[in-house]
Amino acid sequence: MDRQVGHKLREFRQLSGMSLSQLAEKVGLDTASLEKCEAGARHVSAIELWDICGVFDVSPGAFFED
């Protein structure tokens, strides 16, 4: 599941044209942690997911589609 969320996170970020460091700053994470999230090597907490959803204006369910 972490890889699925990470894959969608990377997809949303790239579609928005946002860099990893820009997103990290917006959600209060360091770039290395966010990079691990995108790779599925680090779990995205519920509050982090909520903050990320706010940046991309999507519902949390968007990360679990496909």
N, C-alpha and C. Protein backbone atom coordinates (compact mmCIF):
# COMPACT_ATOMS: atom_id res chain seq x y z
N MET A 1 0.83 -1.18 0.00
CA MET A 1 0.00 0.00 0.00
C MET A 1 0.88 1.26 0.00
N ASP A 2 1.99 1.22 0.72
CA ASP A 2 2.88 2.38 0.76
C ASP A 2 3.42 2.71 -0.64
N ARG A 3 3.70 1.67 -1.43
CA ARG A 3 4.19 1.92 -2.79
C ARG A 3 3.10 2.54 -3.66
N GLN A 4 1.86 2.09 -3.48
CA GLN A 4 0.73 2.65 -4.24
C GLN A 4 0.57 4.14 -3.93
N VAL A 5 0.56 4.47 -2.64
CA VAL A 5 0.42 5.87 -2.23
C VAL A 5 1.62 6.69 -2.75
N GLY A 6 2.81 6.13 -2.63
CA GLY A 6 4.00 6.83 -3.12
C GLY A 6 3.97 7.08 -4.61
N HIS A 7 3.49 6.08 -5.36
CA HIS A 7 3.39 6.22 -6.81
C HIS A 7 2.42 7.34 -7.17
N LYS A 8 1.26 7.37 -6.52
CA LYS A 8 0.27 8.41 -6.79
C LYS A 8 0.80 9.78 -6.35
N LEU A 9 1.52 9.82 -5.25
CA LEU A 9 2.11 11.06 -4.77
C LEU A 9 3.05 11.63 -5.83
N ARG A 10 3.92 10.79 -6.35
CA ARG A 10 4.86 11.24 -7.39
C ARG A 10 4.08 11.69 -8.64
N GLU A 11 3.06 10.93 -9.00
CA GLU A 11 2.25 11.27 -10.17
C GLU A 11 1.60 12.64 -10.01
N PHE A 12 0.94 12.89 -8.87
CA PHE A 12 0.31 14.18 -8.63
C PHE A 12 1.34 15.31 -8.63
N ARG A 13 2.48 15.06 -8.01
CA ARG A 13 3.52 16.09 -7.93
C ARG A 13 4.05 16.44 -9.32
N GLN A 14 4.32 15.43 -10.12
CA GLN A 14 4.86 15.67 -11.45
C GLN A 14 3.83 16.35 -12.35
N LEU A 15 2.58 15.93 -12.26
CA LEU A 15 1.52 16.56 -13.06
C LEU A 15 1.34 18.03 -12.71
N SER A 16 1.61 18.37 -11.45
CA SER A 16 1.47 19.76 -11.03
C SER A 16 2.69 20.60 -11.39
N GLY A 17 3.77 19.93 -11.78
CA GLY A 17 5.00 20.65 -12.12
C GLY A 17 5.79 21.10 -10.90
N MET A 18 5.47 20.52 -9.76
CA MET A 18 6.11 20.90 -8.50
C MET A 18 7.35 20.04 -8.26
N SER A 19 8.39 20.66 -7.77
CA SER A 19 9.59 19.90 -7.43
C SER A 19 9.40 19.20 -6.09
N LEU A 20 10.23 18.23 -5.83
CA LEU A 20 10.19 17.50 -4.56
C LEU A 20 10.41 18.46 -3.39
N SER A 21 11.35 19.36 -3.53
CA SER A 21 11.64 20.29 -2.43
C SER A 21 10.50 21.29 -2.23
N GLN A 22 9.83 21.70 -3.29
CA GLN A 22 8.69 22.61 -3.15
C GLN A 22 7.55 21.94 -2.38
N LEU A 23 7.25 20.69 -2.74
CA LEU A 23 6.20 19.97 -2.03
C LEU A 23 6.59 19.72 -0.58
N ALA A 24 7.82 19.34 -0.36
CA ALA A 24 8.29 19.09 1.00
C ALA A 24 8.10 20.33 1.87
N GLU A 25 8.42 21.49 1.34
CA GLU A 25 8.26 22.73 2.09
C GLU A 25 6.78 23.01 2.40
N LYS A 26 5.91 22.75 1.44
CA LYS A 26 4.48 23.01 1.63
C LYS A 26 3.85 22.12 2.69
N VAL A 27 4.34 20.89 2.82
CA VAL A 27 3.73 19.96 3.78
C VAL A 27 4.56 19.77 5.05
N GLY A 28 5.68 20.49 5.15
CA GLY A 28 6.46 20.46 6.38
C GLY A 28 7.31 19.21 6.58
N LEU A 29 7.73 18.61 5.49
CA LEU A 29 8.63 17.45 5.56
C LEU A 29 9.97 17.82 4.95
N ASP A 30 10.99 17.06 5.29
CA ASP A 30 12.25 17.28 4.61
C ASP A 30 12.23 16.51 3.30
N THR A 31 13.04 16.95 2.36
CA THR A 31 13.03 16.37 1.02
C THR A 31 13.35 14.89 1.04
N ALA A 32 14.29 14.47 1.86
CA ALA A 32 14.67 13.06 1.92
C ALA A 32 13.50 12.19 2.38
N SER A 33 12.74 12.65 3.36
CA SER A 33 11.59 11.89 3.84
C SER A 33 10.53 11.77 2.75
N LEU A 34 10.28 12.86 2.05
CA LEU A 34 9.29 12.84 0.99
C LEU A 34 9.73 11.94 -0.16
N GLU A 35 11.01 11.95 -0.45
CA GLU A 35 11.56 11.07 -1.49
C GLU A 35 11.34 9.60 -1.11
N LYS A 36 11.53 9.28 0.17
CA LYS A 36 11.29 7.92 0.65
C LYS A 36 9.80 7.56 0.55
N CYS A 37 8.93 8.53 0.82
CA CYS A 37 7.49 8.29 0.68
C CYS A 37 7.15 7.95 -0.76
N GLU A 38 7.69 8.70 -1.69
CA GLU A 38 7.42 8.46 -3.10
C GLU A 38 7.92 7.09 -3.54
N ALA A 39 8.99 6.64 -2.94
CA ALA A 39 9.55 5.33 -3.29
C ALA A 39 8.82 4.18 -2.57
N GLY A 40 7.95 4.52 -1.63
CA GLY A 40 7.25 3.50 -0.87
C GLY A 40 8.07 2.93 0.26
N ALA A 41 9.19 3.56 0.56
CA ALA A 41 10.08 3.08 1.62
C ALA A 41 9.73 3.70 2.97
N ARG A 42 8.86 4.68 2.98
CA ARG A 42 8.43 5.33 4.21
C ARG A 42 6.92 5.50 4.16
N HIS A 43 6.28 5.17 5.24
CA HIS A 43 4.83 5.28 5.36
C HIS A 43 4.42 6.75 5.41
N VAL A 44 3.36 7.10 4.70
CA VAL A 44 2.79 8.45 4.77
C VAL A 44 1.73 8.42 5.86
N SER A 45 1.91 9.23 6.89
CA SER A 45 0.93 9.25 7.98
C SER A 45 -0.37 9.88 7.51
N ALA A 46 -1.41 9.67 8.28
CA ALA A 46 -2.73 10.21 7.93
C ALA A 46 -2.69 11.73 7.84
N ILE A 47 -2.04 12.39 8.78
CA ILE A 47 -1.99 13.86 8.76
C ILE A 47 -1.14 14.36 7.59
N GLU A 48 -0.07 13.64 7.26
CA GLU A 48 0.74 14.01 6.10
C GLU A 48 -0.07 13.86 4.81
N LEU A 49 -0.83 12.77 4.73
CA LEU A 49 -1.66 12.55 3.55
C LEU A 49 -2.71 13.66 3.43
N TRP A 50 -3.29 14.04 4.56
CA TRP A 50 -4.28 15.12 4.57
C TRP A 50 -3.67 16.42 4.05
N ASP A 51 -2.47 16.74 4.52
CA ASP A 51 -1.79 17.96 4.07
C ASP A 51 -1.46 17.91 2.58
N ILE A 52 -1.02 16.75 2.12
CA ILE A 52 -0.68 16.57 0.71
C ILE A 52 -1.94 16.72 -0.15
N CYS A 53 -3.05 16.16 0.31
CA CYS A 53 -4.32 16.29 -0.41
C CYS A 53 -4.70 17.75 -0.55
N GLY A 54 -4.45 18.54 0.48
CA GLY A 54 -4.75 19.97 0.41
C GLY A 54 -3.93 20.69 -0.64
N VAL A 55 -2.68 20.28 -0.79
CA VAL A 55 -1.81 20.91 -1.79
C VAL A 55 -2.32 20.62 -3.20
N PHE A 56 -2.73 19.37 -3.44
CA PHE A 56 -3.16 18.97 -4.78
C PHE A 56 -4.66 19.08 -5.00
N ASP A 57 -5.39 19.47 -3.96
CA ASP A 57 -6.85 19.61 -4.03
C ASP A 57 -7.52 18.32 -4.51
N VAL A 58 -7.14 17.21 -3.86
CA VAL A 58 -7.74 15.91 -4.14
C VAL A 58 -8.19 15.30 -2.82
N SER A 59 -9.06 14.31 -2.91
CA SER A 59 -9.48 13.61 -1.70
C SER A 59 -8.47 12.51 -1.38
N PRO A 60 -8.40 12.07 -0.14
CA PRO A 60 -7.49 10.97 0.21
C PRO A 60 -7.73 9.73 -0.63
N GLY A 61 -8.98 9.50 -1.03
CA GLY A 61 -9.28 8.34 -1.85
C GLY A 61 -8.57 8.33 -3.19
N ALA A 62 -8.15 9.49 -3.68
CA ALA A 62 -7.44 9.57 -4.95
C ALA A 62 -6.12 8.82 -4.91
N PHE A 63 -5.58 8.61 -3.72
CA PHE A 63 -4.30 7.90 -3.58
C PHE A 63 -4.47 6.39 -3.61
N PHE A 64 -5.71 5.93 -3.57
CA PHE A 64 -5.96 4.50 -3.50
C PHE A 64 -6.70 3.98 -4.72
N GLU A 65 -6.85 4.82 -5.74
CA GLU A 65 -7.49 4.41 -6.99
C GLU A 65 -6.50 3.64 -7.85
N ASP A 66 -7.01 2.84 -8.74
CA ASP A 66 -6.27 2.01 -9.69
C ASP A 66 -6.18 0.64 -9.17
